[in-house]
Amino acid sequence: MSAREEILERLRGALKDAPAVPEVPRTYRTAVDAPEAERIRVLVDRLEDYKAGVTVVEESGVGPRIAELLDGAASYVVPAGIEEAWLADADAARPGRRRTDSRTEPLTVTELDGTSAVVTGSAVSVAETGTIILDGSEGMGRRAISLIPDHHVCVVRASDITMILPEALRRLDGTRPLTWISGPSATSDIELERVEGVHGPRTLDVLIVRS
């Protein structure tokens, strides 16, 4: 018997007389019926509290706003499958800065570290907690591209905003690599001194697109 098998056997023996886990009552809220304007208002409030930049735009305003946010970027990376219309103005203003990351041709960590910004879409957002979730699918890409560049520009569609977490979880595939973002990267040391840019982008700009 291997050491692993021995440990598992001991665990089975210890749990043999344990009672079955009772059904856990789930009486918490699972949905909140809120209009789009209210979901946007709450999400904006939470994101701004986290020191993220937030702009609410119509679909036609996404491209011009992204171009403004990327004006000072020497280069930026986008995931395969991102909407080209979002990038047309930025590419027209200063061509040759865009890098595309895909599963077949991923950028190296060194290349990402030398990239000024990243532009992604998002899967779903939670207004109440100010959380944006990426699931690694088309338009969002690998987790690394949203964590290594210093500036993250994230597009959130209003139709993908839920008011509370249980609503968001129902929209997600739990087997995918989920990245949960609640404001720019920050942490506090033992003296509660806030330090930004520790484990992700130092600057987060969110574009919320009205339906």
N, C-alpha and C. Protein backbone atom coordinates (compact mmCIF):
# COMPACT_ATOMS: atom_id res chain seq x y z
N MET A 1 0.85 -1.19 0.00
CA MET A 1 0.00 0.00 0.00
C MET A 1 0.89 1.25 0.00
N SER A 2 0.60 2.17 -0.93
CA SER A 2 1.38 3.40 -1.01
C SER A 2 0.98 4.35 0.12
N ALA A 3 1.79 5.37 0.34
CA ALA A 3 1.50 6.35 1.37
C ALA A 3 0.17 7.06 1.08
N ARG A 4 -0.08 7.33 -0.20
CA ARG A 4 -1.34 8.00 -0.56
C ARG A 4 -2.54 7.12 -0.22
N GLU A 5 -2.45 5.86 -0.59
CA GLU A 5 -3.55 4.93 -0.31
C GLU A 5 -3.77 4.76 1.19
N GLU A 6 -2.67 4.77 1.95
CA GLU A 6 -2.79 4.63 3.40
C GLU A 6 -3.51 5.83 4.00
N ILE A 7 -3.17 7.02 3.55
CA ILE A 7 -3.82 8.23 4.06
C ILE A 7 -5.30 8.23 3.72
N LEU A 8 -5.63 7.87 2.49
CA LEU A 8 -7.04 7.84 2.08
C LEU A 8 -7.82 6.80 2.88
N GLU A 9 -7.19 5.68 3.16
CA GLU A 9 -7.85 4.64 3.94
C GLU A 9 -8.14 5.12 5.36
N ARG A 10 -7.20 5.83 5.94
CA ARG A 10 -7.42 6.38 7.27
C ARG A 10 -8.56 7.41 7.28
N LEU A 11 -8.61 8.21 6.23
CA LEU A 11 -9.69 9.20 6.13
C LEU A 11 -11.05 8.52 6.01
N ARG A 12 -11.12 7.47 5.22
CA ARG A 12 -12.38 6.74 5.08
C ARG A 12 -12.81 6.15 6.41
N GLY A 13 -11.83 5.60 7.16
CA GLY A 13 -12.16 5.01 8.44
C GLY A 13 -12.64 6.05 9.44
N ALA A 14 -12.01 7.23 9.41
CA ALA A 14 -12.40 8.29 10.33
C ALA A 14 -13.79 8.84 10.02
N LEU A 15 -14.17 8.80 8.76
CA LEU A 15 -15.46 9.36 8.35
C LEU A 15 -16.58 8.32 8.28
N LYS A 16 -16.25 7.07 8.56
CA LYS A 16 -17.22 5.99 8.37
C LYS A 16 -18.48 6.19 9.21
N ASP A 17 -18.33 6.67 10.44
CA ASP A 17 -19.49 6.83 11.32
C ASP A 17 -20.03 8.26 11.33
N ALA A 18 -19.50 9.11 10.48
CA ALA A 18 -19.96 10.50 10.47
C ALA A 18 -21.35 10.59 9.84
N PRO A 19 -22.23 11.39 10.41
CA PRO A 19 -23.57 11.52 9.83
C PRO A 19 -23.52 12.24 8.49
N ALA A 20 -24.49 12.00 7.66
CA ALA A 20 -24.56 12.65 6.35
C ALA A 20 -24.78 14.15 6.53
N VAL A 21 -24.23 14.92 5.62
CA VAL A 21 -24.39 16.37 5.70
C VAL A 21 -25.84 16.73 5.38
N PRO A 22 -26.50 17.46 6.25
CA PRO A 22 -27.90 17.81 5.99
C PRO A 22 -28.03 18.78 4.83
N GLU A 23 -29.19 18.82 4.26
CA GLU A 23 -29.45 19.76 3.17
C GLU A 23 -29.31 21.19 3.71
N VAL A 24 -28.56 21.99 2.99
CA VAL A 24 -28.32 23.37 3.42
C VAL A 24 -29.42 24.26 2.85
N PRO A 25 -30.16 24.95 3.71
CA PRO A 25 -31.21 25.84 3.19
C PRO A 25 -30.60 27.04 2.48
N ARG A 26 -31.13 27.35 1.34
CA ARG A 26 -30.65 28.50 0.57
C ARG A 26 -31.78 29.50 0.40
N THR A 27 -31.95 30.30 1.44
CA THR A 27 -33.06 31.24 1.47
C THR A 27 -32.62 32.66 1.11
N TYR A 28 -31.34 32.80 0.70
CA TYR A 28 -30.86 34.12 0.34
C TYR A 28 -31.43 34.55 -1.02
N ARG A 29 -31.29 35.82 -1.32
CA ARG A 29 -31.76 36.33 -2.60
C ARG A 29 -30.96 35.73 -3.75
N THR A 30 -31.64 35.35 -4.79
CA THR A 30 -30.95 34.81 -5.96
C THR A 30 -31.06 35.73 -7.17
N ALA A 31 -31.90 36.76 -7.07
CA ALA A 31 -32.06 37.71 -8.18
C ALA A 31 -32.65 39.00 -7.65
N VAL A 32 -32.33 40.09 -8.35
CA VAL A 32 -32.90 41.40 -8.05
C VAL A 32 -33.37 41.99 -9.37
N ASP A 33 -34.64 42.29 -9.44
CA ASP A 33 -35.20 42.85 -10.67
C ASP A 33 -34.99 44.36 -10.66
N ALA A 34 -33.91 44.80 -11.29
CA ALA A 34 -33.58 46.23 -11.32
C ALA A 34 -33.44 46.68 -12.77
N PRO A 35 -33.91 47.86 -13.09
CA PRO A 35 -33.77 48.37 -14.47
C PRO A 35 -32.31 48.63 -14.81
N GLU A 36 -32.03 48.71 -16.10
CA GLU A 36 -30.66 48.88 -16.55
C GLU A 36 -30.01 50.12 -15.95
N ALA A 37 -30.74 51.22 -15.91
CA ALA A 37 -30.16 52.47 -15.38
C ALA A 37 -29.71 52.31 -13.94
N GLU A 38 -30.46 51.56 -13.15
CA GLU A 38 -30.10 51.36 -11.75
C GLU A 38 -28.88 50.45 -11.63
N ARG A 39 -28.81 49.41 -12.44
CA ARG A 39 -27.65 48.51 -12.41
C ARG A 39 -26.38 49.27 -12.80
N ILE A 40 -26.50 50.13 -13.80
CA ILE A 40 -25.34 50.93 -14.21
C ILE A 40 -24.94 51.89 -13.10
N ARG A 41 -25.92 52.54 -12.48
CA ARG A 41 -25.62 53.51 -11.42
C ARG A 41 -24.86 52.86 -10.27
N VAL A 42 -25.32 51.70 -9.83
CA VAL A 42 -24.68 51.03 -8.69
C VAL A 42 -23.28 50.56 -9.08
N LEU A 43 -23.11 50.00 -10.26
CA LEU A 43 -21.79 49.53 -10.68
C LEU A 43 -20.82 50.70 -10.79
N VAL A 44 -21.26 51.81 -11.37
CA VAL A 44 -20.39 52.99 -11.47
C VAL A 44 -19.97 53.45 -10.08
N ASP A 45 -20.91 53.52 -9.16
CA ASP A 45 -20.61 53.96 -7.80
C ASP A 45 -19.55 53.07 -7.15
N ARG A 46 -19.69 51.76 -7.29
CA ARG A 46 -18.73 50.84 -6.67
C ARG A 46 -17.36 50.94 -7.34
N LEU A 47 -17.34 50.99 -8.66
CA LEU A 47 -16.06 51.05 -9.37
C LEU A 47 -15.30 52.34 -9.05
N GLU A 48 -16.02 53.45 -8.98
CA GLU A 48 -15.36 54.70 -8.65
C GLU A 48 -14.84 54.68 -7.21
N ASP A 49 -15.56 53.99 -6.33
CA ASP A 49 -15.08 53.85 -4.96
C ASP A 49 -13.78 53.05 -4.91
N TYR A 50 -13.62 52.14 -5.86
CA TYR A 50 -12.38 51.35 -5.96
C TYR A 50 -11.28 52.09 -6.72
N LYS A 51 -11.53 53.36 -7.10
CA LYS A 51 -10.57 54.19 -7.83
C LYS A 51 -10.36 53.75 -9.26
N ALA A 52 -11.38 53.17 -9.86
CA ALA A 52 -11.34 52.86 -11.29
C ALA A 52 -11.92 54.03 -12.06
N GLY A 53 -11.45 54.24 -13.29
CA GLY A 53 -12.05 55.23 -14.16
C GLY A 53 -13.25 54.60 -14.86
N VAL A 54 -14.36 55.31 -14.93
CA VAL A 54 -15.57 54.76 -15.51
C VAL A 54 -16.18 55.76 -16.50
N THR A 55 -16.57 55.24 -17.67
CA THR A 55 -17.27 56.05 -18.66
C THR A 55 -18.48 55.26 -19.14
N VAL A 56 -19.64 55.89 -19.14
CA VAL A 56 -20.85 55.25 -19.67
C VAL A 56 -21.09 55.82 -21.06
N VAL A 57 -21.17 54.95 -22.07
CA VAL A 57 -21.25 55.39 -23.46
C VAL A 57 -22.31 54.60 -24.22
N GLU A 58 -22.69 55.14 -25.37
CA GLU A 58 -23.47 54.38 -26.34
C GLU A 58 -22.48 53.53 -27.14
N GLU A 59 -22.99 52.58 -27.91
CA GLU A 59 -22.12 51.71 -28.71
C GLU A 59 -21.19 52.53 -29.61
N SER A 60 -21.70 53.62 -30.19
CA SER A 60 -20.90 54.44 -31.10
C SER A 60 -19.77 55.17 -30.39
N GLY A 61 -19.85 55.27 -29.07
CA GLY A 61 -18.83 56.00 -28.33
C GLY A 61 -17.69 55.15 -27.82
N VAL A 62 -17.77 53.83 -28.02
CA VAL A 62 -16.72 52.95 -27.49
C VAL A 62 -15.38 53.20 -28.16
N GLY A 63 -15.36 53.20 -29.49
CA GLY A 63 -14.11 53.39 -30.22
C GLY A 63 -13.41 54.70 -29.91
N PRO A 64 -14.12 55.84 -29.99
CA PRO A 64 -13.47 57.11 -29.66
C PRO A 64 -12.93 57.18 -28.23
N ARG A 65 -13.68 56.61 -27.27
CA ARG A 65 -13.22 56.65 -25.88
C ARG A 65 -11.99 55.77 -25.68
N ILE A 66 -11.96 54.60 -26.30
CA ILE A 66 -10.77 53.74 -26.20
C ILE A 66 -9.57 54.45 -26.80
N ALA A 67 -9.76 55.14 -27.92
CA ALA A 67 -8.65 55.88 -28.54
C ALA A 67 -8.11 56.94 -27.58
N GLU A 68 -8.99 57.62 -26.85
CA GLU A 68 -8.56 58.62 -25.87
C GLU A 68 -7.75 57.97 -24.76
N LEU A 69 -8.24 56.84 -24.26
CA LEU A 69 -7.57 56.18 -23.13
C LEU A 69 -6.21 55.61 -23.53
N LEU A 70 -6.06 55.25 -24.80
CA LEU A 70 -4.81 54.67 -25.27
C LEU A 70 -3.88 55.69 -25.90
N ASP A 71 -4.24 56.96 -25.81
CA ASP A 71 -3.46 57.99 -26.48
C ASP A 71 -2.00 57.99 -26.07
N GLY A 72 -1.72 57.76 -24.80
CA GLY A 72 -0.34 57.79 -24.33
C GLY A 72 0.35 56.44 -24.32
N ALA A 73 -0.31 55.40 -24.79
CA ALA A 73 0.25 54.04 -24.75
C ALA A 73 1.19 53.81 -25.93
N ALA A 74 2.40 53.35 -25.65
CA ALA A 74 3.35 53.03 -26.71
C ALA A 74 2.91 51.79 -27.48
N SER A 75 2.24 50.88 -26.79
CA SER A 75 1.72 49.66 -27.42
C SER A 75 0.59 49.13 -26.56
N TYR A 76 -0.25 48.32 -27.17
CA TYR A 76 -1.32 47.69 -26.39
C TYR A 76 -1.63 46.31 -26.97
N VAL A 77 -2.11 45.43 -26.10
CA VAL A 77 -2.42 44.06 -26.50
C VAL A 77 -3.92 43.85 -26.45
N VAL A 78 -4.42 43.03 -27.37
CA VAL A 78 -5.83 42.66 -27.38
C VAL A 78 -5.93 41.15 -27.55
N PRO A 79 -6.98 40.53 -27.02
CA PRO A 79 -7.18 39.11 -27.22
C PRO A 79 -7.78 38.83 -28.60
N ALA A 80 -7.55 37.65 -29.12
CA ALA A 80 -8.19 37.25 -30.37
C ALA A 80 -9.70 37.27 -30.18
N GLY A 81 -10.41 37.75 -31.21
CA GLY A 81 -11.86 37.76 -31.14
C GLY A 81 -12.46 39.05 -30.63
N ILE A 82 -11.63 40.03 -30.27
CA ILE A 82 -12.17 41.30 -29.78
C ILE A 82 -12.87 42.02 -30.93
N GLU A 83 -13.83 42.86 -30.61
CA GLU A 83 -14.58 43.57 -31.64
C GLU A 83 -13.70 44.63 -32.30
N GLU A 84 -13.53 44.50 -33.60
CA GLU A 84 -12.63 45.40 -34.33
C GLU A 84 -13.10 46.85 -34.28
N ALA A 85 -14.40 47.08 -34.23
CA ALA A 85 -14.91 48.45 -34.21
C ALA A 85 -14.43 49.21 -33.00
N TRP A 86 -14.16 48.51 -31.91
CA TRP A 86 -13.68 49.17 -30.70
C TRP A 86 -12.30 49.79 -30.89
N LEU A 87 -11.51 49.24 -31.83
CA LEU A 87 -10.11 49.61 -31.96
C LEU A 87 -9.82 50.49 -33.16
N ALA A 88 -10.82 50.73 -34.01
CA ALA A 88 -10.59 51.43 -35.27
C ALA A 88 -10.02 52.82 -35.04
N ASP A 89 -10.55 53.56 -34.08
CA ASP A 89 -10.08 54.92 -33.85
C ASP A 89 -8.66 54.94 -33.29
N ALA A 90 -8.37 54.02 -32.38
CA ALA A 90 -7.03 53.96 -31.80
C ALA A 90 -6.00 53.60 -32.87
N ASP A 91 -6.35 52.66 -33.74
CA ASP A 91 -5.43 52.25 -34.80
C ASP A 91 -5.23 53.37 -35.82
N ALA A 92 -6.30 54.11 -36.10
CA ALA A 92 -6.20 55.20 -37.06
C ALA A 92 -5.34 56.35 -36.51
N ALA A 93 -5.48 56.59 -35.21
CA ALA A 93 -4.74 57.70 -34.59
C ALA A 93 -3.24 57.43 -34.58
N ARG A 94 -2.86 56.21 -34.18
CA ARG A 94 -1.44 55.86 -34.10
C ARG A 94 -1.28 54.40 -34.51
N PRO A 95 -1.10 54.14 -35.81
CA PRO A 95 -1.01 52.77 -36.31
C PRO A 95 0.22 52.04 -35.78
N GLY A 96 0.14 50.71 -35.80
CA GLY A 96 1.30 49.88 -35.50
C GLY A 96 1.53 49.58 -34.04
N ARG A 97 0.61 50.00 -33.16
CA ARG A 97 0.83 49.76 -31.73
C ARG A 97 0.19 48.47 -31.24
N ARG A 98 -0.75 47.95 -32.02
CA ARG A 98 -1.54 46.81 -31.53
C ARG A 98 -0.77 45.48 -31.63
N ARG A 99 -0.91 44.69 -30.56
CA ARG A 99 -0.40 43.32 -30.54
C ARG A 99 -1.57 42.40 -30.21
N THR A 100 -1.67 41.27 -30.89
CA THR A 100 -2.77 40.35 -30.65
C THR A 100 -2.25 39.08 -29.98
N ASP A 101 -2.91 38.68 -28.91
CA ASP A 101 -2.55 37.46 -28.19
C ASP A 101 -3.61 36.40 -28.47
N SER A 102 -3.17 35.22 -28.88
CA SER A 102 -4.11 34.13 -29.15
C SER A 102 -3.56 32.84 -28.56
N ARG A 103 -4.40 31.83 -28.50
CA ARG A 103 -3.95 30.55 -27.95
C ARG A 103 -2.90 29.90 -28.84
N THR A 104 -2.99 30.11 -30.15
CA THR A 104 -2.02 29.51 -31.07
C THR A 104 -0.73 30.34 -31.15
N GLU A 105 -0.84 31.66 -30.93
CA GLU A 105 0.33 32.53 -30.97
C GLU A 105 0.34 33.45 -29.75
N PRO A 106 0.59 32.90 -28.57
CA PRO A 106 0.59 33.72 -27.35
C PRO A 106 1.84 34.58 -27.26
N LEU A 107 1.68 35.77 -26.70
CA LEU A 107 2.83 36.62 -26.44
C LEU A 107 3.59 36.08 -25.22
N THR A 108 4.88 36.31 -25.19
CA THR A 108 5.67 35.88 -24.04
C THR A 108 5.44 36.84 -22.88
N VAL A 109 5.84 36.41 -21.69
CA VAL A 109 5.73 37.28 -20.51
C VAL A 109 6.55 38.55 -20.72
N THR A 110 7.73 38.43 -21.33
CA THR A 110 8.57 39.59 -21.60
C THR A 110 7.87 40.56 -22.54
N GLU A 111 7.21 40.02 -23.57
CA GLU A 111 6.49 40.89 -24.52
C GLU A 111 5.31 41.58 -23.83
N LEU A 112 4.60 40.84 -22.99
CA LEU A 112 3.49 41.45 -22.26
C LEU A 112 3.98 42.51 -21.29
N ASP A 113 5.10 42.23 -20.64
CA ASP A 113 5.65 43.17 -19.66
C ASP A 113 6.07 44.47 -20.33
N GLY A 114 6.42 44.40 -21.61
CA GLY A 114 6.81 45.58 -22.35
C GLY A 114 5.65 46.27 -23.04
N THR A 115 4.44 45.81 -22.79
CA THR A 115 3.24 46.39 -23.40
C THR A 115 2.58 47.35 -22.43
N SER A 116 2.18 48.51 -22.92
CA SER A 116 1.66 49.56 -22.04
C SER A 116 0.26 49.26 -21.52
N ALA A 117 -0.61 48.67 -22.36
CA ALA A 117 -2.01 48.54 -21.98
C ALA A 117 -2.63 47.30 -22.61
N VAL A 118 -3.81 46.97 -22.12
CA VAL A 118 -4.58 45.85 -22.67
C VAL A 118 -6.03 46.29 -22.79
N VAL A 119 -6.70 45.83 -23.84
CA VAL A 119 -8.13 46.11 -24.03
C VAL A 119 -8.86 44.77 -24.10
N THR A 120 -9.88 44.59 -23.26
CA THR A 120 -10.65 43.34 -23.28
C THR A 120 -12.14 43.64 -23.16
N GLY A 121 -12.92 42.62 -23.46
CA GLY A 121 -14.33 42.65 -23.13
C GLY A 121 -14.51 42.01 -21.77
N SER A 122 -15.74 41.63 -21.43
CA SER A 122 -16.01 40.99 -20.14
C SER A 122 -17.19 40.05 -20.28
N ALA A 123 -17.28 39.09 -19.35
CA ALA A 123 -18.35 38.09 -19.42
C ALA A 123 -19.59 38.56 -18.67
N VAL A 124 -19.41 38.98 -17.44
CA VAL A 124 -20.53 39.42 -16.60
C VAL A 124 -19.97 40.30 -15.49
N SER A 125 -20.81 41.21 -14.96
CA SER A 125 -20.39 42.07 -13.87
C SER A 125 -21.43 42.06 -12.77
N VAL A 126 -20.99 42.32 -11.54
CA VAL A 126 -21.88 42.35 -10.38
C VAL A 126 -21.90 43.77 -9.85
N ALA A 127 -23.04 44.43 -9.98
CA ALA A 127 -23.13 45.84 -9.59
C ALA A 127 -22.90 46.03 -8.10
N GLU A 128 -23.52 45.20 -7.28
CA GLU A 128 -23.49 45.38 -5.83
C GLU A 128 -22.08 45.32 -5.26
N THR A 129 -21.21 44.52 -5.86
CA THR A 129 -19.84 44.38 -5.37
C THR A 129 -18.82 45.10 -6.24
N GLY A 130 -19.26 45.66 -7.35
CA GLY A 130 -18.33 46.34 -8.25
C GLY A 130 -17.33 45.39 -8.87
N THR A 131 -17.78 44.19 -9.21
CA THR A 131 -16.88 43.15 -9.70
C THR A 131 -17.12 42.87 -11.19
N ILE A 132 -16.04 42.82 -11.95
CA ILE A 132 -16.10 42.48 -13.37
C ILE A 132 -15.43 41.12 -13.54
N ILE A 133 -16.08 40.23 -14.27
CA ILE A 133 -15.57 38.86 -14.41
C ILE A 133 -15.25 38.58 -15.87
N LEU A 134 -14.03 38.08 -16.10
CA LEU A 134 -13.59 37.63 -17.41
C LEU A 134 -13.51 36.11 -17.38
N ASP A 135 -13.92 35.44 -18.46
CA ASP A 135 -13.91 33.97 -18.44
C ASP A 135 -12.97 33.34 -19.46
N GLY A 136 -12.09 34.14 -20.05
CA GLY A 136 -11.08 33.57 -20.95
C GLY A 136 -11.58 33.24 -22.34
N SER A 137 -12.80 33.60 -22.67
CA SER A 137 -13.33 33.27 -23.99
C SER A 137 -12.93 34.35 -24.99
N GLU A 138 -13.48 34.27 -26.23
CA GLU A 138 -13.14 35.23 -27.27
C GLU A 138 -13.39 36.66 -26.78
N GLY A 139 -12.47 37.53 -27.07
CA GLY A 139 -12.61 38.92 -26.67
C GLY A 139 -12.10 39.21 -25.27
N MET A 140 -11.77 38.15 -24.51
CA MET A 140 -11.22 38.33 -23.15
C MET A 140 -9.83 37.74 -23.03
N GLY A 141 -9.61 36.61 -23.68
CA GLY A 141 -8.28 36.03 -23.77
C GLY A 141 -7.75 35.43 -22.48
N ARG A 142 -6.44 35.18 -22.51
CA ARG A 142 -5.78 34.55 -21.36
C ARG A 142 -5.76 35.48 -20.17
N ARG A 143 -5.70 34.89 -18.97
CA ARG A 143 -5.62 35.68 -17.75
C ARG A 143 -4.38 36.58 -17.73
N ALA A 144 -3.28 36.10 -18.27
CA ALA A 144 -2.02 36.84 -18.21
C ALA A 144 -2.12 38.21 -18.87
N ILE A 145 -2.86 38.31 -19.96
CA ILE A 145 -2.86 39.60 -20.66
C ILE A 145 -3.61 40.67 -19.88
N SER A 146 -4.52 40.27 -18.99
CA SER A 146 -5.24 41.27 -18.20
C SER A 146 -4.54 41.56 -16.87
N LEU A 147 -3.44 40.88 -16.59
CA LEU A 147 -2.75 41.06 -15.31
C LEU A 147 -1.37 41.71 -15.44
N ILE A 148 -0.71 41.53 -16.58
CA ILE A 148 0.67 42.00 -16.69
C ILE A 148 0.78 43.45 -17.16
N PRO A 149 0.11 43.87 -18.24
CA PRO A 149 0.19 45.29 -18.62
C PRO A 149 -0.31 46.20 -17.50
N ASP A 150 0.22 47.41 -17.45
CA ASP A 150 -0.05 48.31 -16.32
C ASP A 150 -1.41 49.02 -16.43
N HIS A 151 -2.03 49.00 -17.60
CA HIS A 151 -3.29 49.72 -17.81
C HIS A 151 -4.29 48.77 -18.49
N HIS A 152 -5.42 48.55 -17.85
CA HIS A 152 -6.46 47.67 -18.39
C HIS A 152 -7.67 48.50 -18.77
N VAL A 153 -8.04 48.44 -20.04
CA VAL A 153 -9.27 49.06 -20.52
C VAL A 153 -10.27 47.93 -20.76
N CYS A 154 -11.38 47.95 -20.01
CA CYS A 154 -12.33 46.84 -20.05
C CYS A 154 -13.70 47.35 -20.47
N VAL A 155 -14.29 46.67 -21.46
CA VAL A 155 -15.60 47.06 -21.96
C VAL A 155 -16.66 46.15 -21.33
N VAL A 156 -17.66 46.77 -20.72
CA VAL A 156 -18.75 46.04 -20.05
C VAL A 156 -20.06 46.43 -20.72
N ARG A 157 -20.77 45.46 -21.22
CA ARG A 157 -22.09 45.73 -21.79
C ARG A 157 -23.12 45.76 -20.67
N ALA A 158 -24.04 46.74 -20.74
CA ALA A 158 -25.05 46.88 -19.68
C ALA A 158 -25.90 45.63 -19.55
N SER A 159 -26.11 44.92 -20.65
CA SER A 159 -26.91 43.69 -20.60
C SER A 159 -26.22 42.58 -19.81
N ASP A 160 -24.92 42.74 -19.58
CA ASP A 160 -24.16 41.72 -18.82
C ASP A 160 -23.98 42.10 -17.36
N ILE A 161 -24.63 43.17 -16.92
CA ILE A 161 -24.53 43.58 -15.53
C ILE A 161 -25.67 42.97 -14.73
N THR A 162 -25.33 42.24 -13.68
CA THR A 162 -26.33 41.73 -12.75
C THR A 162 -26.24 42.55 -11.47
N MET A 163 -27.32 42.55 -10.70
CA MET A 163 -27.30 43.34 -9.48
C MET A 163 -26.55 42.62 -8.36
N ILE A 164 -26.73 41.29 -8.24
CA ILE A 164 -26.11 40.55 -7.14
C ILE A 164 -25.37 39.32 -7.67
N LEU A 165 -24.52 38.75 -6.82
CA LEU A 165 -23.64 37.66 -7.22
C LEU A 165 -24.36 36.40 -7.70
N PRO A 166 -25.40 35.90 -7.02
CA PRO A 166 -26.03 34.66 -7.50
C PRO A 166 -26.52 34.74 -8.95
N GLU A 167 -26.97 35.92 -9.36
CA GLU A 167 -27.37 36.09 -10.76
C GLU A 167 -26.18 35.90 -11.69
N ALA A 168 -25.04 36.48 -11.31
CA ALA A 168 -23.85 36.38 -12.14
C ALA A 168 -23.36 34.94 -12.25
N LEU A 169 -23.39 34.22 -11.13
CA LEU A 169 -22.88 32.85 -11.13
C LEU A 169 -23.66 31.95 -12.08
N ARG A 170 -24.95 32.21 -12.21
CA ARG A 170 -25.76 31.39 -13.11
C ARG A 170 -25.38 31.59 -14.57
N ARG A 171 -24.74 32.70 -14.87
CA ARG A 171 -24.35 32.99 -16.25
C ARG A 171 -22.96 32.46 -16.60
N LEU A 172 -22.24 31.99 -15.60
CA LEU A 172 -20.85 31.59 -15.80
C LEU A 172 -20.69 30.09 -15.91
N ASP A 173 -19.67 29.69 -16.65
CA ASP A 173 -19.26 28.29 -16.73
C ASP A 173 -18.11 28.11 -15.73
N GLY A 174 -18.37 27.41 -14.66
CA GLY A 174 -17.39 27.25 -13.60
C GLY A 174 -16.15 26.48 -13.98
N THR A 175 -16.15 25.84 -15.15
CA THR A 175 -14.96 25.10 -15.59
C THR A 175 -13.99 26.01 -16.35
N ARG A 176 -14.39 27.23 -16.64
CA ARG A 176 -13.51 28.14 -17.36
C ARG A 176 -12.59 28.89 -16.39
N PRO A 177 -11.47 29.44 -16.88
CA PRO A 177 -10.56 30.20 -16.01
C PRO A 177 -11.13 31.59 -15.75
N LEU A 178 -11.73 31.79 -14.60
CA LEU A 178 -12.41 33.04 -14.29
C LEU A 178 -11.46 34.03 -13.61
N THR A 179 -11.47 35.26 -14.08
CA THR A 179 -10.70 36.34 -13.47
C THR A 179 -11.68 37.36 -12.94
N TRP A 180 -11.63 37.61 -11.62
CA TRP A 180 -12.56 38.52 -10.96
C TRP A 180 -11.82 39.82 -10.64
N ILE A 181 -12.35 40.93 -11.13
CA ILE A 181 -11.69 42.22 -10.99
C ILE A 181 -12.60 43.17 -10.22
N SER A 182 -12.10 43.68 -9.10
CA SER A 182 -12.84 44.68 -8.33
C SER A 182 -11.93 45.89 -8.15
N GLY A 183 -11.81 46.69 -9.18
CA GLY A 183 -10.97 47.88 -9.15
C GLY A 183 -9.53 47.58 -9.53
N PRO A 184 -8.68 48.61 -9.61
CA PRO A 184 -7.26 48.42 -9.93
C PRO A 184 -6.57 47.57 -8.87
N SER A 185 -5.44 47.00 -9.24
CA SER A 185 -4.67 46.19 -8.32
C SER A 185 -4.23 47.02 -7.12
N ALA A 186 -4.50 46.51 -5.92
CA ALA A 186 -4.09 47.23 -4.71
C ALA A 186 -4.06 46.28 -3.53
N THR A 187 -3.24 46.62 -2.54
CA THR A 187 -3.21 45.86 -1.30
C THR A 187 -2.77 46.82 -0.20
N SER A 188 -2.84 46.38 1.04
CA SER A 188 -2.40 47.20 2.17
C SER A 188 -1.41 46.40 3.01
N ASP A 189 -0.38 47.08 3.50
CA ASP A 189 0.58 46.40 4.36
C ASP A 189 0.07 46.38 5.80
N ILE A 190 0.91 45.93 6.71
CA ILE A 190 0.48 45.75 8.09
C ILE A 190 0.09 47.07 8.75
N GLU A 191 0.61 48.18 8.22
CA GLU A 191 0.27 49.50 8.75
C GLU A 191 -0.88 50.14 7.97
N LEU A 192 -1.55 49.33 7.13
CA LEU A 192 -2.71 49.77 6.34
C LEU A 192 -2.36 50.84 5.32
N GLU A 193 -1.09 50.85 4.88
CA GLU A 193 -0.69 51.75 3.81
C GLU A 193 -1.07 51.10 2.48
N ARG A 194 -1.90 51.78 1.69
CA ARG A 194 -2.36 51.24 0.41
C ARG A 194 -1.25 51.29 -0.63
N VAL A 195 -1.02 50.18 -1.29
CA VAL A 195 -0.02 50.08 -2.36
C VAL A 195 -0.74 49.58 -3.60
N GLU A 196 -0.57 50.27 -4.72
CA GLU A 196 -1.27 49.91 -5.94
C GLU A 196 -0.32 49.30 -6.96
N GLY A 197 -0.87 48.45 -7.82
CA GLY A 197 -0.07 47.83 -8.87
C GLY A 197 0.76 46.66 -8.40
N VAL A 198 0.31 45.96 -7.39
CA VAL A 198 1.11 44.87 -6.81
C VAL A 198 0.95 43.57 -7.60
N HIS A 199 -0.27 43.23 -7.95
CA HIS A 199 -0.51 41.94 -8.59
C HIS A 199 -1.46 42.09 -9.77
N GLY A 200 -1.33 43.18 -10.50
CA GLY A 200 -2.19 43.41 -11.65
C GLY A 200 -2.06 44.84 -12.12
N PRO A 201 -2.91 45.29 -13.05
CA PRO A 201 -2.81 46.64 -13.60
C PRO A 201 -2.97 47.72 -12.53
N ARG A 202 -2.14 48.74 -12.62
CA ARG A 202 -2.21 49.86 -11.68
C ARG A 202 -3.39 50.77 -12.03
N THR A 203 -3.80 50.76 -13.30
CA THR A 203 -4.90 51.62 -13.75
C THR A 203 -5.97 50.77 -14.43
N LEU A 204 -7.21 50.94 -14.00
CA LEU A 204 -8.34 50.24 -14.62
C LEU A 204 -9.34 51.28 -15.12
N ASP A 205 -9.63 51.24 -16.42
CA ASP A 205 -10.66 52.09 -17.01
C ASP A 205 -11.76 51.19 -17.56
N VAL A 206 -12.99 51.47 -17.16
CA VAL A 206 -14.13 50.66 -17.56
C VAL A 206 -15.07 51.47 -18.44
N LEU A 207 -15.43 50.90 -19.57
CA LEU A 207 -16.42 51.52 -20.45
C LEU A 207 -17.70 50.70 -20.34
N ILE A 208 -18.76 51.31 -19.86
CA ILE A 208 -20.05 50.63 -19.75
C ILE A 208 -20.89 51.06 -20.94
N VAL A 209 -21.32 50.08 -21.73
CA VAL A 209 -22.05 50.34 -22.97
C VAL A 209 -23.53 50.13 -22.74
N ARG A 210 -24.30 51.20 -22.87
CA ARG A 210 -25.75 51.08 -22.72
C ARG A 210 -26.34 50.16 -23.79
N SER A 211 -27.40 49.47 -23.45
CA SER A 211 -28.07 48.58 -24.41
C SER A 211 -28.71 49.41 -25.50
